[in-house]
């Protein structure tokens, strides 16, 4: 992967922790992108096996079996085909809200992902992980199976850490 293919988002410190914002343009309509973000048959293609009940307060369960991480959360905001928000956490863990916003564009959809993390967590690692998953989402939208892009993740983690250290 060369630097021309890497278009990182932003990351900033907040009083309560960190906020990362990653944006991508996908040459697919919002309904297609929404389906990839929310339908159980599509989640394993770019994220991990899981289910999301598409209603306020609906259950979110995403199981990263290889790492032992399980997200067991609830939908905190939803506007079908536009916005989905839930916490990237389980049980008594701190809230780590993820907000997916879809914006129709003439030639596809702009996806904006906002990642919020509490102070003391590795925000560079989290944002870099989502960089990898957004690349996998792009491949899944084209029906191309890919593995997690470790090289992209490492490049992104270094970039986000440099932003935080500046």
N, C-alpha and C. Protein backbone atom coordinates (compact mmCIF):
# COMPACT_ATOMS: atom_id res chain seq x y z
N UNK A 1 0.85 -1.17 0.00
CA UNK A 1 0.00 0.00 0.00
C UNK A 1 0.89 1.23 0.00
N UNK A 2 0.60 2.18 -0.86
CA UNK A 2 1.39 3.40 -0.85
C UNK A 2 0.60 4.52 -0.20
N UNK A 3 1.31 5.62 0.09
CA UNK A 3 0.70 6.73 0.81
C UNK A 3 -0.49 7.34 0.08
N UNK A 4 -0.53 7.20 -1.26
CA UNK A 4 -1.65 7.75 -2.02
C UNK A 4 -2.96 7.06 -1.68
N UNK A 5 -2.89 5.81 -1.20
CA UNK A 5 -4.08 5.05 -0.86
C UNK A 5 -4.55 5.30 0.58
N UNK A 6 -3.78 6.02 1.34
CA UNK A 6 -4.08 6.23 2.75
C UNK A 6 -4.65 7.63 2.96
N UNK A 7 -5.90 7.70 3.34
CA UNK A 7 -6.59 8.96 3.57
C UNK A 7 -7.17 8.95 4.98
N UNK A 8 -6.31 9.22 5.97
CA UNK A 8 -6.76 9.09 7.36
C UNK A 8 -7.76 10.17 7.76
N UNK A 9 -8.44 9.87 8.82
CA UNK A 9 -9.38 10.83 9.39
C UNK A 9 -8.68 11.75 10.37
N UNK A 10 -9.46 12.28 11.27
CA UNK A 10 -8.93 13.20 12.28
C UNK A 10 -9.12 12.57 13.65
N UNK A 11 -8.34 13.06 14.59
CA UNK A 11 -8.46 12.61 15.98
C UNK A 11 -8.15 13.80 16.86
N UNK A 12 -8.91 13.94 17.92
CA UNK A 12 -8.66 15.06 18.84
C UNK A 12 -8.91 14.64 20.27
N UNK A 13 -8.23 15.33 21.16
CA UNK A 13 -8.46 15.13 22.59
C UNK A 13 -9.66 15.98 23.00
N UNK A 14 -10.49 15.40 23.85
CA UNK A 14 -11.62 16.10 24.44
C UNK A 14 -11.42 16.13 25.94
N UNK A 15 -12.21 16.90 26.66
CA UNK A 15 -12.12 16.92 28.12
C UNK A 15 -12.35 15.54 28.72
N UNK A 16 -13.20 14.74 28.05
CA UNK A 16 -13.57 13.43 28.59
C UNK A 16 -12.85 12.27 27.92
N UNK A 17 -12.00 12.56 26.93
CA UNK A 17 -11.32 11.47 26.23
C UNK A 17 -10.87 11.87 24.84
N UNK A 18 -11.32 11.13 23.84
CA UNK A 18 -10.88 11.33 22.46
C UNK A 18 -12.06 11.20 21.51
N UNK A 19 -11.91 11.83 20.35
CA UNK A 19 -12.88 11.66 19.28
C UNK A 19 -12.14 11.54 17.96
N UNK A 20 -12.42 10.46 17.25
CA UNK A 20 -11.89 10.26 15.91
C UNK A 20 -13.01 10.38 14.92
N UNK A 21 -12.69 10.89 13.74
CA UNK A 21 -13.69 10.99 12.67
C UNK A 21 -13.04 10.49 11.38
N UNK A 22 -13.64 9.47 10.82
CA UNK A 22 -13.15 8.86 9.59
C UNK A 22 -14.25 8.98 8.54
N UNK A 23 -13.88 9.38 7.34
CA UNK A 23 -14.86 9.51 6.27
C UNK A 23 -14.40 8.74 5.05
N UNK A 24 -15.36 8.16 4.36
CA UNK A 24 -15.08 7.43 3.12
C UNK A 24 -16.21 7.71 2.14
N UNK A 25 -15.86 7.67 0.88
CA UNK A 25 -16.86 7.72 -0.18
C UNK A 25 -16.93 6.33 -0.79
N UNK A 26 -18.13 5.81 -0.90
CA UNK A 26 -18.34 4.51 -1.54
C UNK A 26 -19.25 4.73 -2.75
N UNK A 27 -18.92 4.15 -3.90
CA UNK A 27 -19.74 4.33 -5.10
C UNK A 27 -20.97 3.43 -5.10
N UNK A 28 -21.70 3.46 -4.00
CA UNK A 28 -22.92 2.68 -3.83
C UNK A 28 -23.96 3.56 -3.16
N UNK A 29 -25.21 3.27 -3.42
CA UNK A 29 -26.29 4.07 -2.82
C UNK A 29 -26.37 3.82 -1.32
N UNK A 30 -26.99 4.75 -0.58
CA UNK A 30 -27.08 4.61 0.88
C UNK A 30 -27.74 3.30 1.33
N UNK A 31 -28.73 2.81 0.61
CA UNK A 31 -29.40 1.57 1.02
C UNK A 31 -28.43 0.39 1.00
N UNK A 32 -27.55 0.35 0.03
CA UNK A 32 -26.57 -0.73 -0.07
C UNK A 32 -25.55 -0.64 1.06
N UNK A 33 -25.06 0.57 1.33
CA UNK A 33 -24.10 0.76 2.42
C UNK A 33 -24.77 0.46 3.76
N UNK A 34 -25.99 0.93 3.95
CA UNK A 34 -26.74 0.67 5.18
C UNK A 34 -26.88 -0.83 5.42
N UNK A 35 -27.20 -1.57 4.38
CA UNK A 35 -27.36 -3.02 4.51
C UNK A 35 -26.06 -3.65 5.00
N UNK A 36 -24.92 -3.20 4.48
CA UNK A 36 -23.63 -3.75 4.92
C UNK A 36 -23.36 -3.44 6.38
N UNK A 37 -23.80 -2.28 6.85
CA UNK A 37 -23.57 -1.86 8.23
C UNK A 37 -24.49 -2.57 9.22
N UNK A 38 -25.64 -3.06 8.75
CA UNK A 38 -26.67 -3.49 9.69
C UNK A 38 -27.17 -4.91 9.55
N UNK A 39 -27.00 -5.55 8.40
CA UNK A 39 -27.61 -6.86 8.19
C UNK A 39 -26.64 -7.98 8.59
N UNK A 40 -27.14 -8.94 9.38
CA UNK A 40 -26.28 -10.01 9.91
C UNK A 40 -25.50 -10.78 8.86
N UNK A 41 -26.05 -10.96 7.68
CA UNK A 41 -25.34 -11.73 6.65
C UNK A 41 -24.17 -10.95 6.07
N UNK A 42 -24.14 -9.62 6.24
CA UNK A 42 -23.06 -8.80 5.69
C UNK A 42 -21.98 -8.45 6.73
N UNK A 43 -22.32 -8.37 7.99
CA UNK A 43 -21.36 -7.95 9.02
C UNK A 43 -20.07 -8.77 9.03
N UNK A 44 -20.12 -10.11 8.88
CA UNK A 44 -18.87 -10.88 8.91
C UNK A 44 -17.93 -10.58 7.74
N UNK A 45 -18.44 -10.01 6.68
CA UNK A 45 -17.62 -9.72 5.50
C UNK A 45 -16.62 -8.61 5.74
N UNK A 46 -16.93 -7.73 6.72
CA UNK A 46 -16.05 -6.58 6.93
C UNK A 46 -15.78 -6.26 8.40
N UNK A 47 -16.54 -6.85 9.29
CA UNK A 47 -16.39 -6.54 10.71
C UNK A 47 -16.24 -7.84 11.51
N UNK A 48 -17.35 -8.44 11.87
CA UNK A 48 -17.38 -9.71 12.59
C UNK A 48 -18.83 -10.18 12.62
N UNK A 49 -19.08 -11.47 12.88
CA UNK A 49 -20.45 -11.94 12.99
C UNK A 49 -21.21 -11.16 14.07
N UNK A 50 -22.46 -10.83 13.76
CA UNK A 50 -23.23 -10.09 14.74
C UNK A 50 -24.64 -9.81 14.29
N UNK A 51 -25.38 -9.18 15.20
CA UNK A 51 -26.75 -8.76 14.92
C UNK A 51 -26.97 -7.37 15.52
N UNK A 52 -27.81 -6.61 14.85
CA UNK A 52 -28.19 -5.28 15.33
C UNK A 52 -29.69 -5.15 15.16
N UNK A 53 -30.39 -4.95 16.27
CA UNK A 53 -31.84 -4.70 16.21
C UNK A 53 -32.03 -3.24 15.84
N UNK A 54 -32.61 -2.99 14.69
CA UNK A 54 -32.69 -1.63 14.14
C UNK A 54 -33.85 -0.84 14.74
N UNK A 55 -33.70 -0.53 16.01
CA UNK A 55 -34.67 0.32 16.73
C UNK A 55 -33.95 0.93 17.92
N UNK A 56 -34.45 2.06 18.38
CA UNK A 56 -33.89 2.70 19.57
C UNK A 56 -33.94 1.71 20.72
N UNK A 57 -32.81 1.48 21.38
CA UNK A 57 -32.74 0.52 22.47
C UNK A 57 -32.55 -0.91 22.02
N UNK A 58 -32.48 -1.14 20.71
CA UNK A 58 -32.30 -2.49 20.18
C UNK A 58 -30.94 -3.06 20.56
N UNK A 59 -30.88 -4.37 20.65
CA UNK A 59 -29.65 -5.06 21.03
C UNK A 59 -28.63 -5.04 19.89
N UNK A 60 -27.37 -4.87 20.27
CA UNK A 60 -26.24 -4.95 19.35
C UNK A 60 -25.30 -6.01 19.91
N UNK A 61 -24.99 -7.00 19.11
CA UNK A 61 -24.05 -8.04 19.53
C UNK A 61 -23.13 -8.34 18.36
N UNK A 62 -21.84 -8.10 18.57
CA UNK A 62 -20.83 -8.36 17.56
C UNK A 62 -19.74 -9.18 18.23
N UNK A 63 -19.43 -10.33 17.66
CA UNK A 63 -18.55 -11.30 18.31
C UNK A 63 -17.26 -11.50 17.51
N UNK A 64 -16.17 -10.95 18.03
CA UNK A 64 -14.85 -11.16 17.45
C UNK A 64 -14.27 -12.42 18.10
N UNK A 65 -14.73 -13.57 17.66
CA UNK A 65 -14.38 -14.85 18.30
C UNK A 65 -12.88 -15.08 18.38
N UNK A 66 -12.13 -14.67 17.36
CA UNK A 66 -10.69 -14.91 17.36
C UNK A 66 -9.97 -14.20 18.49
N UNK A 67 -10.45 -13.02 18.86
CA UNK A 67 -9.79 -12.24 19.92
C UNK A 67 -10.48 -12.35 21.27
N UNK A 68 -11.67 -12.92 21.28
CA UNK A 68 -12.42 -13.02 22.53
C UNK A 68 -13.20 -11.77 22.88
N UNK A 69 -13.17 -10.76 22.01
CA UNK A 69 -13.91 -9.52 22.25
C UNK A 69 -15.34 -9.68 21.77
N UNK A 70 -16.27 -9.33 22.63
CA UNK A 70 -17.69 -9.37 22.28
C UNK A 70 -18.28 -7.99 22.60
N UNK A 71 -18.90 -7.40 21.62
CA UNK A 71 -19.62 -6.15 21.83
C UNK A 71 -21.05 -6.54 22.14
N UNK A 72 -21.54 -6.09 23.28
CA UNK A 72 -22.91 -6.39 23.72
C UNK A 72 -23.50 -5.08 24.20
N UNK A 73 -24.19 -4.38 23.31
CA UNK A 73 -24.57 -3.00 23.54
C UNK A 73 -26.01 -2.78 23.10
N UNK A 74 -26.42 -1.51 23.04
CA UNK A 74 -27.75 -1.17 22.55
C UNK A 74 -27.66 0.01 21.58
N UNK A 75 -28.62 0.07 20.68
CA UNK A 75 -28.71 1.17 19.73
C UNK A 75 -29.14 2.42 20.50
N UNK A 76 -28.34 3.47 20.41
CA UNK A 76 -28.65 4.72 21.13
C UNK A 76 -29.23 5.78 20.20
N UNK A 77 -29.04 5.64 18.90
CA UNK A 77 -29.64 6.57 17.93
C UNK A 77 -29.78 5.85 16.60
N UNK A 78 -30.92 6.08 15.95
CA UNK A 78 -31.13 5.46 14.64
C UNK A 78 -32.10 6.29 13.81
N UNK A 79 -31.70 6.53 12.59
CA UNK A 79 -32.56 7.06 11.55
C UNK A 79 -32.27 6.18 10.35
N UNK A 80 -33.18 5.28 9.98
CA UNK A 80 -32.89 4.32 8.92
C UNK A 80 -32.30 4.98 7.67
N UNK A 81 -31.28 4.33 7.14
CA UNK A 81 -30.55 4.73 5.94
C UNK A 81 -29.72 5.99 6.13
N UNK A 82 -29.68 6.51 7.38
CA UNK A 82 -28.92 7.74 7.63
C UNK A 82 -27.97 7.65 8.81
N UNK A 83 -28.45 7.23 9.97
CA UNK A 83 -27.66 7.29 11.20
C UNK A 83 -27.87 6.04 12.04
N UNK A 84 -26.76 5.52 12.55
CA UNK A 84 -26.80 4.41 13.51
C UNK A 84 -25.73 4.68 14.55
N UNK A 85 -26.12 4.60 15.83
CA UNK A 85 -25.16 4.81 16.90
C UNK A 85 -25.35 3.74 17.96
N UNK A 86 -24.23 3.21 18.44
CA UNK A 86 -24.21 2.27 19.56
C UNK A 86 -22.84 2.34 20.19
N UNK A 87 -22.71 1.77 21.38
CA UNK A 87 -21.42 1.80 22.07
C UNK A 87 -20.61 0.57 21.70
N UNK A 88 -19.32 0.78 21.53
CA UNK A 88 -18.39 -0.29 21.21
C UNK A 88 -17.88 -0.86 22.54
N UNK A 89 -18.81 -1.42 23.33
CA UNK A 89 -18.46 -1.93 24.65
C UNK A 89 -19.49 -2.96 25.09
N UNK A 90 -19.21 -3.56 26.23
CA UNK A 90 -20.10 -4.56 26.80
C UNK A 90 -20.21 -4.37 28.31
N UNK A 91 -21.32 -4.78 28.85
CA UNK A 91 -21.50 -4.80 30.30
C UNK A 91 -21.16 -3.50 31.00
N UNK A 92 -20.25 -3.59 31.98
CA UNK A 92 -19.87 -2.44 32.79
C UNK A 92 -18.70 -1.65 32.20
N UNK A 93 -18.27 -1.99 30.98
CA UNK A 93 -17.18 -1.25 30.36
C UNK A 93 -17.61 0.20 30.09
N UNK A 94 -16.64 1.10 29.97
CA UNK A 94 -16.98 2.49 29.66
C UNK A 94 -17.67 2.58 28.29
N UNK A 95 -18.47 3.61 28.15
CA UNK A 95 -19.13 3.86 26.87
C UNK A 95 -18.08 4.28 25.84
N UNK A 96 -18.20 3.72 24.64
CA UNK A 96 -17.34 4.05 23.51
C UNK A 96 -18.24 4.22 22.29
N UNK A 97 -18.98 5.32 22.23
CA UNK A 97 -19.96 5.48 21.16
C UNK A 97 -19.34 5.48 19.76
N UNK A 98 -20.01 4.75 18.88
CA UNK A 98 -19.72 4.77 17.45
C UNK A 98 -20.94 5.36 16.77
N UNK A 99 -20.73 6.32 15.89
CA UNK A 99 -21.84 6.90 15.14
C UNK A 99 -21.52 6.80 13.66
N UNK A 100 -22.39 6.12 12.94
CA UNK A 100 -22.28 5.95 11.50
C UNK A 100 -23.30 6.88 10.85
N UNK A 101 -22.85 7.84 10.05
CA UNK A 101 -23.73 8.75 9.33
C UNK A 101 -23.53 8.57 7.83
N UNK A 102 -24.62 8.32 7.12
CA UNK A 102 -24.57 8.15 5.67
C UNK A 102 -25.14 9.39 5.00
N UNK A 103 -24.42 9.88 4.01
CA UNK A 103 -24.82 11.08 3.27
C UNK A 103 -24.86 10.74 1.79
N UNK A 104 -26.06 10.82 1.17
CA UNK A 104 -26.12 10.53 -0.27
C UNK A 104 -25.33 11.57 -1.06
N UNK A 105 -24.65 11.10 -2.09
CA UNK A 105 -23.93 11.97 -3.01
C UNK A 105 -24.32 11.55 -4.42
N UNK A 106 -24.11 12.40 -5.40
CA UNK A 106 -24.54 12.07 -6.76
C UNK A 106 -23.98 10.74 -7.28
N UNK A 107 -22.78 10.38 -6.85
CA UNK A 107 -22.15 9.16 -7.36
C UNK A 107 -21.95 8.11 -6.27
N UNK A 108 -22.78 8.16 -5.21
CA UNK A 108 -22.66 7.15 -4.17
C UNK A 108 -23.05 7.66 -2.80
N UNK A 109 -22.27 7.27 -1.80
CA UNK A 109 -22.54 7.60 -0.40
C UNK A 109 -21.26 8.00 0.30
N UNK A 110 -21.34 9.06 1.07
CA UNK A 110 -20.24 9.43 1.97
C UNK A 110 -20.61 8.90 3.34
N UNK A 111 -19.73 8.09 3.90
CA UNK A 111 -19.91 7.53 5.23
C UNK A 111 -18.99 8.26 6.18
N UNK A 112 -19.55 8.80 7.25
CA UNK A 112 -18.76 9.45 8.30
C UNK A 112 -18.92 8.60 9.56
N UNK A 113 -17.79 8.14 10.09
CA UNK A 113 -17.78 7.36 11.32
C UNK A 113 -17.13 8.20 12.41
N UNK A 114 -17.86 8.43 13.49
CA UNK A 114 -17.32 9.13 14.65
C UNK A 114 -17.11 8.10 15.76
N UNK A 115 -15.89 8.06 16.28
CA UNK A 115 -15.49 7.12 17.32
C UNK A 115 -15.13 7.94 18.56
N UNK A 116 -15.82 7.72 19.68
CA UNK A 116 -15.48 8.42 20.92
C UNK A 116 -14.97 7.41 21.94
N UNK A 117 -13.90 7.80 22.62
CA UNK A 117 -13.27 6.91 23.60
C UNK A 117 -13.00 7.67 24.89
N UNK A 118 -13.09 6.99 26.02
CA UNK A 118 -12.77 7.65 27.29
C UNK A 118 -11.27 7.90 27.41
N UNK A 119 -10.93 8.85 28.28
CA UNK A 119 -9.52 9.13 28.56
C UNK A 119 -8.84 7.85 29.05
N UNK A 120 -7.56 7.74 28.76
CA UNK A 120 -6.80 6.59 29.22
C UNK A 120 -6.83 5.40 28.28
N UNK A 121 -7.61 5.49 27.19
CA UNK A 121 -7.64 4.39 26.23
C UNK A 121 -6.76 4.73 25.03
N UNK A 122 -6.40 3.72 24.27
CA UNK A 122 -5.52 3.88 23.12
C UNK A 122 -6.34 4.30 21.91
N UNK A 123 -6.55 5.60 21.77
CA UNK A 123 -7.38 6.13 20.69
C UNK A 123 -6.74 5.90 19.33
N UNK A 124 -5.42 5.96 19.23
CA UNK A 124 -4.74 5.72 17.95
C UNK A 124 -5.01 4.29 17.49
N UNK A 125 -4.96 3.34 18.41
CA UNK A 125 -5.23 1.94 18.08
C UNK A 125 -6.66 1.77 17.60
N UNK A 126 -7.61 2.38 18.30
CA UNK A 126 -9.02 2.24 17.93
C UNK A 126 -9.29 2.82 16.55
N UNK A 127 -8.81 4.03 16.29
CA UNK A 127 -9.04 4.64 14.98
C UNK A 127 -8.36 3.85 13.87
N UNK A 128 -7.16 3.36 14.13
CA UNK A 128 -6.45 2.55 13.14
C UNK A 128 -7.22 1.26 12.85
N UNK A 129 -7.79 0.67 13.87
CA UNK A 129 -8.60 -0.53 13.66
C UNK A 129 -9.78 -0.26 12.75
N UNK A 130 -10.44 0.88 12.97
CA UNK A 130 -11.57 1.21 12.11
C UNK A 130 -11.13 1.58 10.70
N UNK A 131 -9.93 2.12 10.54
CA UNK A 131 -9.40 2.34 9.19
C UNK A 131 -9.37 1.00 8.45
N UNK A 132 -8.88 -0.03 9.13
CA UNK A 132 -8.84 -1.36 8.53
C UNK A 132 -10.21 -1.89 8.18
N UNK A 133 -11.16 -1.72 9.10
CA UNK A 133 -12.51 -2.23 8.85
C UNK A 133 -13.21 -1.45 7.74
N UNK A 134 -12.94 -0.15 7.62
CA UNK A 134 -13.54 0.61 6.52
C UNK A 134 -12.97 0.19 5.17
N UNK A 135 -11.70 -0.18 5.15
CA UNK A 135 -11.12 -0.73 3.91
C UNK A 135 -11.77 -2.08 3.58
N UNK A 136 -12.02 -2.88 4.61
CA UNK A 136 -12.70 -4.15 4.39
C UNK A 136 -14.14 -3.94 3.92
N UNK A 137 -14.79 -2.88 4.44
CA UNK A 137 -16.15 -2.54 3.99
C UNK A 137 -16.14 -2.20 2.51
N UNK A 138 -15.16 -1.43 2.05
CA UNK A 138 -15.06 -1.08 0.63
C UNK A 138 -14.95 -2.36 -0.21
N UNK A 139 -14.13 -3.30 0.22
CA UNK A 139 -13.99 -4.56 -0.51
C UNK A 139 -15.28 -5.37 -0.48
N UNK A 140 -15.93 -5.42 0.67
CA UNK A 140 -17.17 -6.17 0.80
C UNK A 140 -18.26 -5.60 -0.10
N UNK A 141 -18.30 -4.28 -0.23
CA UNK A 141 -19.27 -3.65 -1.12
C UNK A 141 -19.06 -4.07 -2.57
N UNK A 142 -17.84 -4.44 -2.90
CA UNK A 142 -17.52 -4.91 -4.26
C UNK A 142 -17.56 -6.43 -4.34
N UNK A 143 -17.99 -7.08 -3.24
CA UNK A 143 -18.08 -8.53 -3.14
C UNK A 143 -16.72 -9.20 -3.33
N UNK A 144 -15.70 -8.56 -2.74
CA UNK A 144 -14.34 -9.09 -2.79
C UNK A 144 -13.94 -9.44 -1.36
N UNK A 145 -13.75 -10.71 -1.04
CA UNK A 145 -13.35 -11.07 0.32
C UNK A 145 -11.89 -10.67 0.57
N UNK A 146 -11.65 -10.05 1.72
CA UNK A 146 -10.29 -9.65 2.10
C UNK A 146 -10.08 -9.94 3.58
N UNK A 147 -8.82 -10.06 3.94
CA UNK A 147 -8.44 -10.21 5.34
C UNK A 147 -8.21 -8.81 5.92
N UNK A 148 -8.15 -8.74 7.22
CA UNK A 148 -7.88 -7.45 7.86
C UNK A 148 -6.54 -6.91 7.33
N UNK A 149 -6.52 -5.66 6.86
CA UNK A 149 -5.30 -5.09 6.25
C UNK A 149 -4.30 -4.60 7.31
N UNK A 150 -3.45 -5.50 7.76
CA UNK A 150 -2.51 -5.20 8.84
C UNK A 150 -1.59 -4.04 8.48
N UNK A 151 -1.10 -3.99 7.25
CA UNK A 151 -0.20 -2.91 6.85
C UNK A 151 -0.88 -1.54 6.98
N UNK A 152 -2.13 -1.46 6.54
CA UNK A 152 -2.88 -0.21 6.67
C UNK A 152 -3.06 0.14 8.15
N UNK A 153 -3.43 -0.86 8.95
CA UNK A 153 -3.61 -0.64 10.38
C UNK A 153 -2.35 -0.06 11.02
N UNK A 154 -1.19 -0.64 10.72
CA UNK A 154 0.06 -0.17 11.32
C UNK A 154 0.39 1.25 10.87
N UNK A 155 0.19 1.54 9.60
CA UNK A 155 0.42 2.89 9.08
C UNK A 155 -0.53 3.89 9.75
N UNK A 156 -1.80 3.52 9.86
CA UNK A 156 -2.79 4.40 10.46
C UNK A 156 -2.52 4.62 11.95
N UNK A 157 -2.13 3.57 12.65
CA UNK A 157 -1.85 3.72 14.09
C UNK A 157 -0.71 4.70 14.32
N UNK A 158 0.33 4.58 13.52
CA UNK A 158 1.47 5.49 13.62
C UNK A 158 1.03 6.93 13.33
N UNK A 159 0.20 7.10 12.31
CA UNK A 159 -0.30 8.43 11.94
C UNK A 159 -1.13 9.04 13.08
N UNK A 160 -2.10 8.29 13.58
CA UNK A 160 -2.96 8.82 14.65
C UNK A 160 -2.17 9.10 15.91
N UNK A 161 -1.21 8.27 16.24
CA UNK A 161 -0.40 8.53 17.43
C UNK A 161 0.40 9.82 17.25
N UNK A 162 0.91 10.06 16.05
CA UNK A 162 1.65 11.30 15.78
C UNK A 162 0.73 12.51 15.94
N UNK A 163 -0.51 12.41 15.52
CA UNK A 163 -1.46 13.51 15.70
C UNK A 163 -1.69 13.78 17.19
N UNK A 164 -1.83 12.74 17.96
CA UNK A 164 -2.06 12.90 19.40
C UNK A 164 -0.83 13.43 20.12
N UNK A 165 0.35 13.07 19.64
CA UNK A 165 1.59 13.51 20.27
C UNK A 165 1.96 14.95 19.92
N UNK A 166 1.37 15.47 18.84
CA UNK A 166 1.73 16.83 18.37
C UNK A 166 1.25 17.90 19.34
